């Protein structure tokens, strides 16, 4: 811990937190068109900071959606090059009435900073930027070469960055990617995520009559798209949580015995998870698999919303002409989004009730990935984390998806070091999202030490 850069970070921690609050105040909600300007403002905020701390060739790169932020520093001769990735966009803050403090007025309580985007992913992006600043300020340079690429569409599928990476521009040449968008398995336990589930996000539209109909005059004769939609959804999974789509599990590969043994040794309390994190009376899912297997290594299918019809106060006896459901599937390594979507679409069309038409649309998708742990950059990360946290690193998978990690592998041939500092109870995508300020500080130190280790 004698690193001058770590000392600089410690001395400037209060300033770093204040700057993070300024970034968090920008409501860069990527899915809402009215916040398009805020997304660009967040990108400009990051670009200005990268320039200020001494990164070079800093610019915004326009895409089909929100802009990318690029910068580099490439003066570490004969040293590896990192592609540092994060995202500045955030989820909507709804439901607003469940927030204790306003979502875009960052507030400190009990050692945490509360705000939408606090941990996913602005706080972790800012940790990356502050690690770079600390190294540049203390050493007048970096121990490795660094390219930075921040995006503003991770929460809506990342189409802009995916297209950019697929074009393989020269300014993305690197040896590995550094991704800070994950979490620790438990508080105080240094963690590297080495596996992500992929996903397909779809809309399923069911159409019946040509227009909305009076349920008294036409009920019993006209097809009801909501009923048909419910019947379709009910046939997608059985009562034990197994997905009923024929062939859906054909490509699933089970975790190795060694990986399963490592998961069993993790400090996981299923009852605490049920009560504190999930908050339900019972956990559900495929029988015969542990909770960690079900959330990390098994595919899933979930319904996210069913808009349509009449939902206002009072009563309106209408048979709607159409009903829509938003349905996603999480995929595991060796499954491909294209095949999974084709199987799903074919099955839905087959089981659709008489009298309705169905339209199955793919909104966005991403590949699953599994990172080998024996590459030198993962090994450098484990040394750095041990130095900062004083404990051995655990390797986990995540049930979530970071589509760009698959793109880095497929298009650029880059392994990703997924070094994140959130906690399981940080309320990602939910009201009262938070980031533990100690983890923000230790995260900066960890990133500094990792770059120093990678440059040895």
Protein backbone atom coordinates (compact mmCIF):
# COMPACT_ATOMS: atom_id res chain seq x y z
CA UNK A 1 0.00 0.00 0.00
CA UNK A 2 3.04 2.29 -0.32
CA UNK A 3 1.98 3.29 -3.82
CA UNK A 4 2.12 7.08 -4.34
CA UNK A 5 -1.06 6.80 -6.43
CA UNK A 6 -2.91 5.09 -3.58
CA UNK A 7 -1.71 7.86 -1.25
CA UNK A 8 -3.03 10.49 -3.71
CA UNK A 9 -6.40 8.74 -3.86
CA UNK A 10 -6.63 8.63 -0.06
CA UNK A 11 -5.81 12.32 0.25
CA UNK A 12 -8.40 13.29 -2.35
CA UNK A 13 -11.23 10.95 -1.35
CA UNK A 14 -13.60 13.72 -0.22
CA UNK A 15 -13.16 15.55 -3.53
CA UNK A 16 -13.76 12.33 -5.47
CA UNK A 17 -17.07 11.82 -3.65
CA UNK A 18 -18.16 15.39 -4.34
CA UNK A 19 -17.41 15.00 -8.04
CA UNK A 20 -19.32 11.72 -8.14
CA UNK A 21 -22.36 13.53 -6.74
CA UNK A 22 -22.17 16.02 -9.62
CA UNK A 23 -22.24 13.13 -12.11
CA UNK A 24 -25.10 11.41 -10.28
CA UNK A 25 -27.23 14.56 -10.47
CA UNK A 26 -27.45 14.18 -14.26
CA UNK A 27 -30.59 12.07 -15.00
CA UNK A 28 -29.05 10.13 -17.90
CA UNK A 29 -31.95 7.67 -18.33
CA UNK A 30 -31.17 6.07 -21.68
CA UNK A 31 -34.57 4.50 -22.36
CA UNK A 32 -36.59 7.74 -22.10
CA UNK A 33 -36.39 10.07 -25.15
CA UNK A 34 -36.91 13.16 -23.00
CA UNK A 35 -33.54 12.47 -21.34
CA UNK A 36 -31.52 12.29 -24.55
CA UNK A 37 -29.92 15.64 -23.72
CA UNK A 38 -29.06 14.46 -20.22
CA UNK A 39 -27.29 11.42 -21.65
CA UNK A 40 -25.14 13.65 -23.83
CA UNK A 41 -24.50 15.92 -20.84
CA UNK A 42 -23.23 12.94 -18.83
CA UNK A 43 -20.97 11.93 -21.72
CA UNK A 44 -19.60 15.47 -21.96
CA UNK A 45 -19.02 15.50 -18.18
CA UNK A 46 -16.89 12.35 -18.44
CA UNK A 47 -15.02 13.59 -21.50
CA UNK A 48 -14.16 16.87 -19.79
CA UNK A 49 -12.81 15.00 -16.76
CA UNK A 50 -10.72 12.62 -18.87
CA UNK A 51 -9.14 15.63 -20.57
CA UNK A 52 -8.54 17.37 -17.24
CA UNK A 53 -6.69 14.44 -15.66
CA UNK A 54 -4.36 14.04 -18.66
CA UNK A 55 -5.91 11.44 -20.93
CA UNK A 56 -5.33 12.08 -24.64
CA UNK A 57 -7.37 11.94 -27.85
CA UNK A 58 -10.53 12.42 -25.79
CA UNK A 59 -13.70 12.73 -27.83
CA UNK A 60 -17.35 11.79 -28.09
CA UNK A 61 -18.21 9.22 -30.76
CA UNK A 62 -21.74 9.54 -32.07
CA UNK A 63 -23.72 6.34 -32.58
CA UNK A 64 -27.26 5.46 -33.58
CA UNK A 65 -28.18 6.24 -29.96
CA UNK A 66 -26.30 7.97 -27.15
CA UNK A 67 -22.63 8.89 -27.67
CA UNK A 68 -19.57 6.89 -26.65
CA UNK A 69 -16.78 8.54 -24.68
CA UNK A 70 -13.24 7.68 -25.82
CA UNK A 71 -9.82 8.63 -24.48
CA UNK A 72 -6.38 7.02 -24.33
CA UNK A 73 -2.89 7.19 -22.88
CA UNK A 74 -0.42 5.02 -24.82
CA UNK A 75 3.08 5.86 -23.65
CA UNK A 76 3.95 2.74 -21.60
CA UNK A 77 6.40 1.12 -24.00
CA UNK A 78 6.33 -2.69 -24.13
CA UNK A 79 3.50 -2.81 -21.57
CA UNK A 80 0.04 -4.30 -22.10
CA UNK A 81 -2.96 -2.22 -23.12
CA UNK A 82 -6.23 -2.18 -21.20
CA UNK A 83 -9.58 -1.24 -22.69
CA UNK A 84 -11.41 0.30 -19.73
CA UNK A 85 -15.20 0.00 -20.03
CA UNK A 86 -18.19 1.29 -18.12
CA UNK A 87 -21.55 2.96 -18.79
CA UNK A 88 -22.97 6.33 -17.80
CA UNK A 89 -26.62 5.61 -18.54
CA UNK A 90 -29.04 4.60 -15.80
CA UNK A 91 -32.40 2.91 -15.36
CA UNK A 92 -35.61 4.89 -14.80
CA UNK A 93 -36.18 5.74 -11.14
CA UNK A 94 -39.78 4.51 -10.85
CA UNK A 95 -41.55 4.04 -8.50
CA UNK A 96 -40.57 7.46 -7.21
CA UNK A 97 -42.67 7.29 -4.05
CA UNK A 98 -40.49 4.45 -2.71
CA UNK A 99 -37.31 6.55 -2.64
CA UNK A 100 -36.33 7.88 0.79
CA UNK A 101 -34.38 10.72 -0.85
CA UNK A 102 -34.86 11.94 -4.45
CA UNK A 103 -33.15 9.64 -6.98
CA UNK A 104 -31.11 12.39 -8.63
CA UNK A 105 -30.17 14.27 -5.46
CA UNK A 106 -27.32 12.06 -4.17
CA UNK A 107 -27.56 11.73 -0.40
CA UNK A 108 -25.17 10.20 2.14
CA UNK A 109 -26.69 7.98 4.83
CA UNK A 110 -25.07 5.35 7.06
CA UNK A 111 -21.85 5.26 5.05
CA UNK A 112 -23.61 4.90 1.70
CA UNK A 113 -24.37 7.27 -1.15
CA UNK A 114 -27.95 6.92 -2.40
CA UNK A 115 -28.86 7.84 -5.97
CA UNK A 116 -29.97 6.25 -9.20
CA UNK A 117 -26.75 5.11 -10.88
CA UNK A 118 -24.75 5.19 -7.64
CA UNK A 119 -23.38 1.69 -8.18
CA UNK A 120 -24.80 0.84 -11.63
CA UNK A 121 -22.62 2.16 -13.06
CA UNK A 122 -21.64 5.79 -12.45
CA UNK A 123 -19.97 5.15 -9.11
CA UNK A 124 -17.86 2.38 -10.59
CA UNK A 125 -17.05 4.40 -13.72
CA UNK A 126 -15.94 7.26 -11.49
CA UNK A 127 -13.74 4.85 -9.55
CA UNK A 128 -12.04 3.95 -12.83
CA UNK A 129 -11.54 7.60 -13.75
CA UNK A 130 -10.21 8.46 -10.28
CA UNK A 131 -7.78 5.53 -10.38
CA UNK A 132 -6.43 6.89 -13.66
CA UNK A 133 -6.21 10.39 -12.21
CA UNK A 134 -4.33 9.15 -9.15
CA UNK A 135 -1.78 7.26 -11.26
CA UNK A 136 -1.26 10.17 -13.66
CA UNK A 137 -0.98 12.74 -10.86
CA UNK A 138 1.38 10.69 -8.69
CA UNK A 139 3.59 9.22 -11.41
CA UNK A 140 3.20 11.59 -14.37
CA UNK A 141 2.14 8.55 -16.38
CA UNK A 142 0.43 5.16 -16.29
CA UNK A 143 2.06 1.76 -15.66
CA UNK A 144 0.19 0.27 -18.65
CA UNK A 145 -1.36 1.65 -21.79
CA UNK A 146 -5.02 2.53 -21.41
CA UNK A 147 -7.90 3.12 -23.77
CA UNK A 148 -11.18 4.24 -22.21
CA UNK A 149 -14.55 3.50 -23.78
CA UNK A 150 -17.70 4.52 -21.90
CA UNK A 151 -21.17 4.02 -23.34
CA UNK A 152 -24.65 5.41 -22.71
CA UNK A 153 -26.88 2.53 -23.82
CA UNK A 154 -25.98 -0.44 -21.62
CA UNK A 155 -29.39 -0.35 -19.96
CA UNK A 156 -31.19 -0.53 -23.32
CA UNK A 157 -29.14 -3.19 -25.09
CA UNK A 158 -25.96 -1.36 -26.13
CA UNK A 159 -26.63 -1.33 -29.87
CA UNK A 160 -24.41 1.68 -30.54
CA UNK A 161 -21.29 0.32 -28.88
CA UNK A 162 -21.94 -3.17 -30.29
CA UNK A 163 -21.90 -1.82 -33.84
CA UNK A 164 -18.80 0.24 -33.10
CA UNK A 165 -16.87 -2.69 -31.60
CA UNK A 166 -17.94 -4.98 -34.44
CA UNK A 167 -16.33 -2.55 -36.90
CA UNK A 168 -12.99 -3.25 -35.10
CA UNK A 169 -11.56 0.28 -35.19
CA UNK A 170 -7.83 0.66 -34.67
CA UNK A 171 -8.42 2.72 -31.54
CA UNK A 172 -9.75 -0.36 -29.69
CA UNK A 173 -6.63 -2.52 -30.04
CA UNK A 174 -5.81 -3.87 -26.58
CA UNK A 175 -4.72 -6.95 -24.65
CA UNK A 176 -7.64 -7.15 -22.23
CA UNK A 177 -10.76 -5.29 -21.16
CA UNK A 178 -11.31 -3.96 -17.63
CA UNK A 179 -15.01 -3.90 -16.74
CA UNK A 180 -16.29 -2.44 -13.46
CA UNK A 181 -20.02 -3.19 -13.52
CA UNK A 182 -20.31 -6.13 -11.13
CA UNK A 183 -20.36 -6.73 -7.39
CA UNK A 184 -18.65 -8.42 -4.48
CA UNK A 185 -20.16 -11.73 -3.46
CA UNK A 186 -20.33 -10.51 0.13
CA UNK A 187 -19.24 -7.43 2.01
CA UNK A 188 -15.48 -7.29 2.45
CA UNK A 189 -14.88 -10.27 0.15
CA UNK A 190 -12.78 -9.44 -2.96
CA UNK A 191 -14.51 -10.90 -5.97
CA UNK A 192 -13.89 -11.38 -9.67
CA UNK A 193 -16.82 -12.25 -11.90
CA UNK A 194 -15.77 -14.80 -14.52
CA UNK A 195 -19.13 -15.66 -16.07
CA UNK A 196 -22.20 -13.79 -17.29
CA UNK A 197 -25.52 -14.96 -18.59
CA UNK A 198 -26.60 -13.75 -22.00
CA UNK A 199 -30.13 -12.66 -22.78
CA UNK A 200 -32.86 -12.07 -25.31
CA UNK A 201 -35.47 -9.40 -24.60
CA UNK A 202 -38.69 -9.74 -26.55
CA UNK A 203 -42.16 -8.33 -27.02
CA UNK A 204 -45.04 -10.72 -27.59
CA UNK A 205 -48.10 -9.06 -29.12
CA UNK A 206 -51.44 -10.83 -29.41
CA UNK A 207 -54.14 -9.39 -31.69
CA UNK A 208 -57.81 -10.34 -31.72
CA UNK A 209 -60.62 -8.18 -33.11
CA UNK A 210 -60.00 -5.24 -35.42
CA UNK A 211 -60.96 -2.79 -32.66
CA UNK A 212 -61.81 -2.71 -28.94
CA UNK A 213 -65.20 -4.29 -28.28
CA UNK A 214 -67.97 -4.07 -25.66
CA UNK A 215 -67.62 -7.13 -23.43
CA UNK A 216 -71.38 -7.41 -22.92
CA UNK A 217 -72.24 -7.39 -26.61
CA UNK A 218 -69.29 -9.48 -27.81
CA UNK A 219 -68.01 -11.38 -24.76
CA UNK A 220 -68.26 -15.11 -25.37
CA UNK A 221 -67.79 -14.79 -29.11
CA UNK A 222 -64.89 -12.40 -29.69
CA UNK A 223 -61.37 -13.54 -28.79
CA UNK A 224 -59.78 -11.73 -25.84
CA UNK A 225 -56.08 -11.05 -26.44
CA UNK A 226 -55.36 -10.74 -22.71
CA UNK A 227 -56.79 -14.17 -22.01
CA UNK A 228 -54.90 -15.61 -24.98
CA UNK A 229 -51.70 -13.93 -23.79
CA UNK A 230 -52.17 -15.39 -20.31
CA UNK A 231 -52.71 -18.85 -21.78
CA UNK A 232 -49.51 -18.56 -23.83
CA UNK A 233 -47.45 -17.32 -20.89
CA UNK A 234 -48.81 -20.13 -18.70
CA UNK A 235 -47.41 -22.67 -21.16
CA UNK A 236 -43.90 -21.20 -21.25
CA UNK A 237 -42.87 -22.68 -17.86
CA UNK A 238 -44.13 -25.55 -15.77
CA UNK A 239 -44.93 -25.38 -12.05
CA UNK A 240 -41.34 -26.36 -11.18
CA UNK A 241 -39.82 -23.47 -13.11
CA UNK A 242 -38.64 -25.51 -16.09
CA UNK A 243 -38.98 -23.76 -19.44
CA UNK A 244 -41.30 -25.74 -21.73
CA UNK A 245 -39.89 -24.54 -25.07
CA UNK A 246 -38.79 -27.67 -26.98
CA UNK A 247 -35.01 -27.84 -27.41
CA UNK A 248 -34.36 -24.86 -25.14
CA UNK A 249 -31.95 -26.76 -22.87
CA UNK A 250 -30.15 -28.70 -25.61
CA UNK A 251 -27.00 -26.53 -25.57
CA UNK A 252 -26.75 -25.94 -21.82
CA UNK A 253 -23.40 -27.01 -20.33
CA UNK A 254 -23.26 -27.79 -16.62
CA UNK A 255 -20.60 -26.12 -14.46
CA UNK A 256 -17.55 -28.25 -13.75
CA UNK A 257 -17.40 -30.22 -10.48
CA UNK A 258 -14.56 -27.93 -9.37
CA UNK A 259 -16.64 -24.81 -9.99
CA UNK A 260 -19.65 -26.27 -8.16
CA UNK A 261 -17.41 -27.17 -5.21
CA UNK A 262 -16.06 -23.60 -5.12
CA UNK A 263 -19.61 -22.21 -5.09
CA UNK A 264 -20.55 -24.46 -2.19
CA UNK A 265 -17.66 -23.00 -0.16
CA UNK A 266 -18.93 -19.42 -0.59
CA UNK A 267 -20.51 -17.69 2.43
CA UNK A 268 -24.08 -17.96 1.13
CA UNK A 269 -27.04 -18.00 3.50
CA UNK A 270 -30.13 -19.02 1.53
CA UNK A 271 -32.56 -17.88 4.23
CA UNK A 272 -30.90 -14.45 4.46
CA UNK A 273 -31.02 -14.22 0.66
CA UNK A 274 -34.73 -15.09 0.66
CA UNK A 275 -35.68 -12.72 3.44
CA UNK A 276 -33.34 -9.77 2.92
CA UNK A 277 -32.54 -9.64 -0.79
CA UNK A 278 -35.64 -11.19 -2.35
CA UNK A 279 -38.19 -10.51 0.37
CA UNK A 280 -40.59 -13.29 -0.62
CA UNK A 281 -42.20 -16.04 1.43
CA UNK A 282 -40.48 -18.75 -0.60
CA UNK A 283 -37.81 -19.15 -3.29
CA UNK A 284 -38.86 -20.77 -6.55
CA UNK A 285 -37.14 -22.19 -9.61
CA UNK A 286 -35.95 -25.40 -11.18
CA UNK A 287 -35.94 -28.28 -8.76
CA UNK A 288 -32.66 -30.15 -8.31
CA UNK A 289 -30.45 -27.06 -8.50
CA UNK A 290 -29.07 -24.78 -5.80
CA UNK A 291 -29.92 -21.08 -5.73
CA UNK A 292 -26.49 -20.16 -7.10
CA UNK A 293 -26.82 -22.71 -9.90
CA UNK A 294 -30.28 -21.41 -10.78
CA UNK A 295 -29.13 -17.79 -10.87
CA UNK A 296 -25.68 -18.25 -12.42
CA UNK A 297 -25.70 -21.37 -14.60
CA UNK A 298 -29.29 -22.11 -15.67
CA UNK A 299 -31.37 -20.29 -18.30
CA UNK A 300 -34.49 -18.46 -17.16
CA UNK A 301 -37.63 -16.88 -18.57
CA UNK A 302 -39.36 -13.89 -17.00
CA UNK A 303 -42.30 -11.61 -17.76
CA UNK A 304 -41.63 -7.91 -17.12
CA UNK A 305 -44.84 -6.14 -18.03
CA UNK A 306 -48.20 -6.51 -19.76
CA UNK A 307 -49.35 -3.10 -20.99
CA UNK A 308 -52.68 -2.64 -22.77
CA UNK A 309 -56.40 -2.64 -22.21
CA UNK A 310 -58.02 -0.47 -19.54
CA UNK A 311 -56.10 0.17 -16.32
CA UNK A 312 -57.57 3.46 -15.13
CA UNK A 313 -59.74 4.10 -12.08
CA UNK A 314 -63.24 2.70 -12.15
CA UNK A 315 -64.57 0.26 -14.72
CA UNK A 316 -64.60 -0.01 -18.49
CA UNK A 317 -65.99 -3.22 -19.93
CA UNK A 318 -63.78 -3.52 -22.95
CA UNK A 319 -62.32 -6.48 -24.81
CA UNK A 320 -59.05 -4.98 -26.06
CA UNK A 321 -58.05 -5.50 -29.66
CA UNK A 322 -54.48 -6.29 -28.65
CA UNK A 323 -52.32 -7.14 -25.67
CA UNK A 324 -48.55 -7.13 -25.30
CA UNK A 325 -46.12 -8.75 -22.90
CA UNK A 326 -42.45 -7.95 -22.43
CA UNK A 327 -40.62 -11.25 -21.92
CA UNK A 328 -36.92 -11.98 -21.56
CA UNK A 329 -34.78 -15.08 -21.29
CA UNK A 330 -31.36 -15.28 -19.62
CA UNK A 331 -29.01 -17.62 -21.46
CA UNK A 332 -25.94 -19.49 -20.25
CA UNK A 333 -22.60 -20.20 -21.97
CA UNK A 334 -22.93 -22.24 -25.18
CA UNK A 335 -26.48 -21.00 -25.83
CA UNK A 336 -26.86 -18.48 -28.66
CA UNK A 337 -29.44 -15.67 -28.70
CA UNK A 338 -30.43 -16.38 -32.32
CA UNK A 339 -31.22 -20.04 -31.69
CA UNK A 340 -33.00 -19.37 -28.39
CA UNK A 341 -35.19 -16.71 -30.01
CA UNK A 342 -36.03 -18.96 -32.96
CA UNK A 343 -37.09 -21.80 -30.64
CA UNK A 344 -39.18 -19.43 -28.52
CA UNK A 345 -40.88 -17.78 -31.52
CA UNK A 346 -41.73 -21.12 -33.10
CA UNK A 347 -43.19 -22.47 -29.87
CA UNK A 348 -45.32 -19.38 -29.20
CA UNK A 349 -46.75 -19.48 -32.71
CA UNK A 350 -47.57 -23.16 -32.24
CA UNK A 351 -49.39 -22.80 -28.91
CA UNK A 352 -51.29 -19.58 -29.70
CA UNK A 353 -55.06 -20.10 -29.15
CA UNK A 354 -57.49 -20.01 -32.05
CA UNK A 355 -58.86 -16.62 -33.08
CA UNK A 356 -55.75 -14.53 -32.40
CA UNK A 357 -52.59 -13.59 -34.27
CA UNK A 358 -49.23 -13.36 -32.54
CA UNK A 359 -46.22 -11.21 -33.33
CA UNK A 360 -42.97 -12.13 -31.55
CA UNK A 361 -40.36 -9.37 -31.72
CA UNK A 362 -36.72 -9.39 -30.60
CA UNK A 363 -35.85 -6.09 -28.91
CA UNK A 364 -32.20 -6.76 -28.01
CA UNK A 365 -29.88 -9.62 -27.15
CA UNK A 366 -26.44 -10.43 -25.78
CA UNK A 367 -24.15 -13.45 -25.57
CA UNK A 368 -23.26 -15.31 -22.41
CA UNK A 369 -19.56 -15.60 -21.58
CA UNK A 370 -17.16 -17.55 -19.40
CA UNK A 371 -13.68 -16.11 -18.75
CA UNK A 372 -10.67 -18.42 -18.14
CA UNK A 373 -9.10 -17.62 -14.78
CA UNK A 374 -5.55 -18.62 -15.74
CA UNK A 375 -4.75 -15.59 -17.90
CA UNK A 376 -2.13 -13.15 -16.55
CA UNK A 377 -4.55 -10.25 -16.17
CA UNK A 378 -6.94 -12.17 -13.93
CA UNK A 379 -3.92 -13.29 -11.92
CA UNK A 380 -2.72 -9.68 -11.62
CA UNK A 381 -6.22 -8.74 -10.44
CA UNK A 382 -6.18 -11.38 -7.70
CA UNK A 383 -2.84 -10.08 -6.41
CA UNK A 384 -4.09 -6.49 -6.40
CA UNK A 385 -7.32 -7.37 -4.61
CA UNK A 386 -5.46 -9.36 -1.96
CA UNK A 387 -3.16 -6.40 -1.40
CA UNK A 388 -6.08 -4.02 -0.83
CA UNK A 389 -8.63 -6.24 0.91
CA UNK A 390 -6.30 -8.62 2.75
CA UNK A 391 -8.23 -11.71 1.63
CA UNK A 392 -8.06 -14.24 -1.19
CA UNK A 393 -10.24 -13.47 -4.19
CA UNK A 394 -13.31 -15.60 -4.93
CA UNK A 395 -14.42 -16.34 -8.48
CA UNK A 396 -18.13 -16.18 -9.18
CA UNK A 397 -20.54 -15.95 -12.06
CA UNK A 398 -23.29 -13.37 -12.35
CA UNK A 399 -26.88 -13.97 -13.30
CA UNK A 400 -26.89 -10.64 -15.08
CA UNK A 401 -25.81 -9.73 -18.58
CA UNK A 402 -23.21 -7.28 -19.87
CA UNK A 403 -23.57 -7.76 -23.63
CA UNK A 404 -20.41 -5.86 -24.51
CA UNK A 405 -18.22 -8.43 -22.71
CA UNK A 406 -19.26 -11.00 -25.31
CA UNK A 407 -18.58 -8.47 -28.08
CA UNK A 408 -15.09 -7.76 -26.74
CA UNK A 409 -14.35 -11.49 -26.90
CA UNK A 410 -15.99 -12.20 -30.24
CA UNK A 411 -14.87 -9.16 -32.24
CA UNK A 412 -11.66 -8.04 -30.54
CA UNK A 413 -10.43 -11.30 -28.98
CA UNK A 414 -10.14 -9.66 -25.57
CA UNK A 415 -10.58 -11.44 -22.24
CA UNK A 416 -12.37 -9.27 -19.70
CA UNK A 417 -11.35 -8.67 -16.11
CA UNK A 418 -14.69 -8.00 -14.39
CA UNK A 419 -13.67 -6.21 -11.21
CA UNK A 420 -16.70 -4.68 -9.52
CA UNK A 421 -17.32 -3.26 -6.05
CA UNK A 422 -21.09 -3.24 -5.54
CA UNK A 423 -22.91 -5.28 -2.91
CA UNK A 424 -25.82 -7.70 -3.34
CA UNK A 425 -28.12 -5.35 -1.39
CA UNK A 426 -27.28 -2.18 -3.34
CA UNK A 427 -30.79 -2.10 -4.89
CA UNK A 428 -29.63 -2.10 -8.49
CA UNK A 429 -32.53 -1.13 -10.82
CA UNK A 430 -34.71 -0.55 -7.73
CA UNK A 431 -35.62 2.38 -5.46
CA UNK A 432 -32.94 3.54 -3.02
CA UNK A 433 -29.99 2.35 -5.07
CA UNK A 434 -26.79 2.87 -3.12
CA UNK A 435 -23.01 2.49 -3.19
CA UNK A 436 -21.04 1.93 0.02
CA UNK A 437 -18.53 4.77 0.19
CA UNK A 438 -15.86 2.50 1.67
CA UNK A 439 -16.24 0.24 -1.38
CA UNK A 440 -15.90 3.27 -3.64
CA UNK A 441 -12.61 4.12 -1.89
CA UNK A 442 -11.31 0.54 -1.82
CA UNK A 443 -12.41 0.10 -5.42
CA UNK A 444 -10.22 3.01 -6.52
CA UNK A 445 -7.28 1.54 -4.62
CA UNK A 446 -7.91 -1.89 -6.16
CA UNK A 447 -7.98 -0.48 -9.68
CA UNK A 448 -4.76 1.45 -9.05
CA UNK A 449 -2.99 -1.62 -7.70
CA UNK A 450 -4.33 -3.76 -10.54
CA UNK A 451 -2.89 -1.48 -13.20
CA UNK A 452 0.40 -1.42 -11.32
CA UNK A 453 0.45 -5.22 -11.11
CA UNK A 454 -0.52 -5.59 -14.79
CA UNK A 455 2.42 -3.34 -15.70
CA UNK A 456 5.07 -5.36 -13.85
